[in-house]
Amino acid sequence: MGSGTVISGDGLAVSTKAPKTFTPAATSAGHQRGNIAVLVEMTITNGTKEPVDLVLVSATAACGAEGTQANQVIDVEKGITGFAGTLAPARTAPPS
């Protein structure tokens, strides 16, 4: 998987950067010791005419040859917390 952008029919765009490994803080949630943590940075650009509620955004990832669903890691110390708030038209949001 590399970087790229997907745009919905109404103009909402989701962009990702290429995955990179990271070491979660001891206080992170969702990481299991022994697993490799991978960060995929996402941005959302609201090309629609209406505000978008970012609380509704969720992402999933699969890993391995069998496509096992990966755990989401929340790491407040490193600023990896997901999206929040409302995104106005013509605005872009990185994760909060």
N, C-alpha and C. Protein backbone atom coordinates (compact mmCIF):
# COMPACT_ATOMS: atom_id res chain seq x y z
N MET A 1 0.85 -1.17 0.00
CA MET A 1 0.00 0.00 0.00
C MET A 1 0.89 1.23 0.00
N GLY A 2 0.55 2.14 -0.83
CA GLY A 2 1.29 3.40 -0.88
C GLY A 2 0.39 4.55 -0.53
N SER A 3 0.80 5.73 -0.91
CA SER A 3 -0.03 6.89 -0.66
C SER A 3 -1.05 7.03 -1.79
N GLY A 4 -2.11 7.78 -1.52
CA GLY A 4 -3.11 7.98 -2.56
C GLY A 4 -4.31 8.72 -2.03
N THR A 5 -5.24 9.02 -2.94
CA THR A 5 -6.46 9.74 -2.59
C THR A 5 -7.65 9.08 -3.26
N VAL A 6 -8.74 8.97 -2.51
CA VAL A 6 -10.02 8.48 -3.03
C VAL A 6 -11.03 9.60 -2.84
N ILE A 7 -11.80 9.89 -3.89
CA ILE A 7 -12.79 10.96 -3.83
C ILE A 7 -14.17 10.37 -4.08
N SER A 8 -15.11 10.63 -3.16
CA SER A 8 -16.48 10.13 -3.32
C SER A 8 -17.21 10.94 -4.38
N GLY A 9 -18.35 10.46 -4.80
CA GLY A 9 -19.14 11.14 -5.83
C GLY A 9 -19.57 12.53 -5.45
N ASP A 10 -19.71 12.80 -4.14
CA ASP A 10 -20.13 14.13 -3.71
C ASP A 10 -18.96 15.06 -3.40
N GLY A 11 -17.72 14.56 -3.52
CA GLY A 11 -16.55 15.42 -3.37
C GLY A 11 -15.76 15.28 -2.09
N LEU A 12 -16.11 14.34 -1.22
CA LEU A 12 -15.34 14.11 0.00
C LEU A 12 -14.10 13.30 -0.38
N ALA A 13 -12.91 13.81 -0.03
CA ALA A 13 -11.66 13.15 -0.41
C ALA A 13 -10.93 12.65 0.83
N VAL A 14 -10.45 11.42 0.75
CA VAL A 14 -9.64 10.84 1.82
C VAL A 14 -8.27 10.51 1.21
N SER A 15 -7.23 11.08 1.81
CA SER A 15 -5.86 10.86 1.34
C SER A 15 -5.07 10.13 2.41
N THR A 16 -4.19 9.23 1.97
CA THR A 16 -3.32 8.52 2.90
C THR A 16 -1.88 8.67 2.47
N LYS A 17 -0.99 8.61 3.47
CA LYS A 17 0.44 8.56 3.20
C LYS A 17 0.88 7.11 3.32
N ALA A 18 2.02 6.79 2.76
CA ALA A 18 2.53 5.42 2.84
C ALA A 18 2.71 5.01 4.29
N PRO A 19 2.39 3.76 4.63
CA PRO A 19 2.53 3.29 6.00
C PRO A 19 3.98 3.36 6.49
N LYS A 20 4.13 3.61 7.79
CA LYS A 20 5.45 3.56 8.40
C LYS A 20 5.32 2.97 9.79
N THR A 21 6.32 2.24 10.21
CA THR A 21 6.29 1.64 11.54
C THR A 21 6.58 2.68 12.60
N PHE A 22 6.06 2.45 13.79
CA PHE A 22 6.34 3.33 14.93
C PHE A 22 6.27 2.51 16.21
N THR A 23 6.83 3.05 17.26
CA THR A 23 6.80 2.40 18.56
C THR A 23 5.77 3.11 19.43
N PRO A 24 4.66 2.45 19.76
CA PRO A 24 3.65 3.08 20.59
C PRO A 24 4.17 3.34 22.00
N ALA A 25 3.66 4.40 22.62
CA ALA A 25 4.00 4.71 24.01
C ALA A 25 3.42 3.62 24.91
N ALA A 26 3.98 3.50 26.09
CA ALA A 26 3.51 2.50 27.05
C ALA A 26 2.05 2.73 27.43
N THR A 27 1.59 3.97 27.32
CA THR A 27 0.21 4.32 27.69
C THR A 27 -0.78 4.17 26.52
N SER A 28 -0.32 3.71 25.37
CA SER A 28 -1.21 3.59 24.20
C SER A 28 -2.25 2.50 24.44
N ALA A 29 -3.33 2.58 23.68
CA ALA A 29 -4.38 1.57 23.75
C ALA A 29 -4.47 0.86 22.41
N GLY A 30 -4.71 -0.45 22.43
CA GLY A 30 -4.93 -1.21 21.21
C GLY A 30 -3.71 -1.97 20.70
N HIS A 31 -2.52 -1.59 21.15
CA HIS A 31 -1.31 -2.28 20.68
C HIS A 31 -1.04 -3.50 21.55
N GLN A 32 -0.76 -4.61 20.89
CA GLN A 32 -0.42 -5.83 21.61
C GLN A 32 1.08 -6.07 21.51
N ARG A 33 1.70 -6.26 22.65
CA ARG A 33 3.15 -6.51 22.70
C ARG A 33 3.51 -7.64 21.73
N GLY A 34 4.58 -7.44 20.98
CA GLY A 34 5.02 -8.43 20.00
C GLY A 34 4.55 -8.13 18.59
N ASN A 35 3.51 -7.32 18.46
CA ASN A 35 3.03 -6.92 17.13
C ASN A 35 3.82 -5.72 16.64
N ILE A 36 3.86 -5.54 15.34
CA ILE A 36 4.51 -4.37 14.74
C ILE A 36 3.44 -3.31 14.54
N ALA A 37 3.66 -2.12 15.10
CA ALA A 37 2.70 -1.02 14.93
C ALA A 37 3.02 -0.26 13.65
N VAL A 38 1.98 0.01 12.88
CA VAL A 38 2.13 0.72 11.60
C VAL A 38 1.18 1.91 11.59
N LEU A 39 1.71 3.06 11.21
CA LEU A 39 0.92 4.29 11.13
C LEU A 39 0.62 4.61 9.67
N VAL A 40 -0.64 4.85 9.37
CA VAL A 40 -1.06 5.33 8.05
C VAL A 40 -1.72 6.68 8.29
N GLU A 41 -1.04 7.75 7.93
CA GLU A 41 -1.60 9.09 8.12
C GLU A 41 -2.70 9.35 7.09
N MET A 42 -3.82 9.88 7.57
CA MET A 42 -4.96 10.20 6.71
C MET A 42 -5.32 11.67 6.84
N THR A 43 -5.74 12.26 5.74
CA THR A 43 -6.36 13.58 5.78
C THR A 43 -7.69 13.50 5.04
N ILE A 44 -8.61 14.33 5.44
CA ILE A 44 -9.93 14.37 4.80
C ILE A 44 -10.16 15.79 4.31
N THR A 45 -10.54 15.91 3.04
CA THR A 45 -10.86 17.21 2.46
C THR A 45 -12.33 17.21 2.10
N ASN A 46 -13.04 18.19 2.62
CA ASN A 46 -14.48 18.28 2.39
C ASN A 46 -14.76 19.09 1.13
N GLY A 47 -14.96 18.39 0.04
CA GLY A 47 -15.32 19.03 -1.22
C GLY A 47 -16.82 19.06 -1.44
N THR A 48 -17.59 18.74 -0.40
CA THR A 48 -19.05 18.76 -0.51
C THR A 48 -19.57 20.16 -0.17
N LYS A 49 -20.88 20.31 -0.23
CA LYS A 49 -21.50 21.60 0.10
C LYS A 49 -21.97 21.65 1.54
N GLU A 50 -21.82 20.57 2.28
CA GLU A 50 -22.31 20.47 3.65
C GLU A 50 -21.18 20.15 4.61
N PRO A 51 -21.29 20.54 5.88
CA PRO A 51 -20.30 20.15 6.88
C PRO A 51 -20.31 18.62 7.06
N VAL A 52 -19.17 18.07 7.44
CA VAL A 52 -19.05 16.63 7.67
C VAL A 52 -18.68 16.40 9.13
N ASP A 53 -19.43 15.51 9.80
CA ASP A 53 -19.16 15.17 11.20
C ASP A 53 -18.03 14.14 11.24
N LEU A 54 -16.86 14.57 11.66
CA LEU A 54 -15.68 13.69 11.65
C LEU A 54 -15.72 12.60 12.72
N VAL A 55 -16.60 12.73 13.69
CA VAL A 55 -16.74 11.68 14.70
C VAL A 55 -17.19 10.38 14.04
N LEU A 56 -17.86 10.49 12.89
CA LEU A 56 -18.36 9.31 12.19
C LEU A 56 -17.30 8.60 11.35
N VAL A 57 -16.10 9.16 11.26
CA VAL A 57 -15.03 8.58 10.45
C VAL A 57 -14.43 7.38 11.16
N SER A 58 -14.31 6.28 10.45
CA SER A 58 -13.60 5.12 10.97
C SER A 58 -12.81 4.50 9.84
N ALA A 59 -11.72 3.87 10.20
CA ALA A 59 -10.87 3.22 9.20
C ALA A 59 -10.48 1.84 9.73
N THR A 60 -10.35 0.90 8.84
CA THR A 60 -9.89 -0.43 9.21
C THR A 60 -8.72 -0.81 8.33
N ALA A 61 -7.92 -1.72 8.82
CA ALA A 61 -6.78 -2.21 8.04
C ALA A 61 -6.67 -3.72 8.23
N ALA A 62 -6.14 -4.37 7.25
CA ALA A 62 -5.92 -5.82 7.32
C ALA A 62 -4.44 -6.10 7.14
N CYS A 63 -4.00 -7.22 7.70
CA CYS A 63 -2.59 -7.56 7.59
C CYS A 63 -2.42 -9.06 7.39
N GLY A 64 -1.27 -9.43 6.88
CA GLY A 64 -0.96 -10.83 6.67
C GLY A 64 -1.62 -11.41 5.43
N ALA A 65 -1.19 -12.60 5.07
CA ALA A 65 -1.68 -13.27 3.88
C ALA A 65 -3.17 -13.58 3.96
N GLU A 66 -3.68 -13.74 5.18
CA GLU A 66 -5.10 -14.08 5.36
C GLU A 66 -5.99 -12.86 5.57
N GLY A 67 -5.40 -11.67 5.57
CA GLY A 67 -6.18 -10.45 5.70
C GLY A 67 -6.79 -10.27 7.08
N THR A 68 -6.05 -10.60 8.11
CA THR A 68 -6.54 -10.46 9.48
C THR A 68 -6.72 -8.98 9.80
N GLN A 69 -7.87 -8.64 10.41
CA GLN A 69 -8.11 -7.24 10.75
C GLN A 69 -7.11 -6.79 11.81
N ALA A 70 -6.48 -5.65 11.56
CA ALA A 70 -5.50 -5.09 12.49
C ALA A 70 -6.22 -4.32 13.59
N ASN A 71 -5.59 -4.22 14.75
CA ASN A 71 -6.12 -3.41 15.84
C ASN A 71 -5.81 -1.95 15.60
N GLN A 72 -6.73 -1.08 15.98
CA GLN A 72 -6.47 0.35 15.92
C GLN A 72 -5.72 0.74 17.19
N VAL A 73 -4.65 1.50 17.03
CA VAL A 73 -3.86 1.96 18.17
C VAL A 73 -4.16 3.44 18.40
N ILE A 74 -4.51 3.76 19.64
CA ILE A 74 -4.69 5.15 20.06
C ILE A 74 -3.52 5.49 20.96
N ASP A 75 -2.76 6.51 20.59
CA ASP A 75 -1.56 6.88 21.34
C ASP A 75 -1.57 8.39 21.56
N VAL A 76 -2.15 8.82 22.66
CA VAL A 76 -2.31 10.24 22.95
C VAL A 76 -0.95 10.93 23.06
N GLU A 77 0.03 10.25 23.65
CA GLU A 77 1.37 10.84 23.80
C GLU A 77 1.98 11.22 22.46
N LYS A 78 1.69 10.45 21.42
CA LYS A 78 2.26 10.70 20.10
C LYS A 78 1.28 11.40 19.16
N GLY A 79 0.12 11.79 19.69
CA GLY A 79 -0.85 12.53 18.88
C GLY A 79 -1.64 11.66 17.92
N ILE A 80 -1.70 10.37 18.16
CA ILE A 80 -2.44 9.45 17.29
C ILE A 80 -3.78 9.16 17.96
N THR A 81 -4.78 9.98 17.61
CA THR A 81 -6.06 9.90 18.30
C THR A 81 -7.27 9.77 17.39
N GLY A 82 -7.12 9.96 16.12
CA GLY A 82 -8.26 9.90 15.21
C GLY A 82 -8.83 11.27 14.92
N PHE A 83 -9.99 11.29 14.30
CA PHE A 83 -10.63 12.53 13.89
C PHE A 83 -11.71 12.94 14.89
N ALA A 84 -11.97 14.24 15.00
CA ALA A 84 -13.02 14.74 15.88
C ALA A 84 -13.53 16.07 15.32
N GLY A 85 -14.72 16.45 15.72
CA GLY A 85 -15.27 17.74 15.33
C GLY A 85 -16.02 17.69 14.01
N THR A 86 -16.24 18.85 13.46
CA THR A 86 -16.97 19.01 12.21
C THR A 86 -16.06 19.68 11.19
N LEU A 87 -16.09 19.18 9.96
CA LEU A 87 -15.25 19.73 8.89
C LEU A 87 -16.13 20.53 7.93
N ALA A 88 -15.88 21.82 7.85
CA ALA A 88 -16.66 22.70 6.97
C ALA A 88 -16.31 22.44 5.51
N PRO A 89 -17.21 22.79 4.58
CA PRO A 89 -16.91 22.65 3.16
C PRO A 89 -15.61 23.40 2.81
N ALA A 90 -14.85 22.85 1.89
CA ALA A 90 -13.59 23.42 1.38
C ALA A 90 -12.49 23.43 2.42
N ARG A 91 -12.61 22.67 3.49
CA ARG A 91 -11.57 22.59 4.52
C ARG A 91 -10.96 21.19 4.55
N THR A 92 -9.74 21.10 5.08
CA THR A 92 -9.03 19.82 5.20
C THR A 92 -8.70 19.58 6.65
N ALA A 93 -8.85 18.33 7.08
CA ALA A 93 -8.57 17.98 8.48
C ALA A 93 -7.55 16.86 8.56
N PRO A 94 -6.49 17.14 9.30
CA PRO A 94 -5.63 16.02 9.71
C PRO A 94 -6.27 15.42 10.95
N PRO A 95 -5.82 14.24 11.39
CA PRO A 95 -6.34 13.70 12.64
C PRO A 95 -6.09 14.67 13.78
N SER A 96 -6.98 14.67 14.75
CA SER A 96 -6.79 15.56 15.90
C SER A 96 -5.98 14.87 16.98
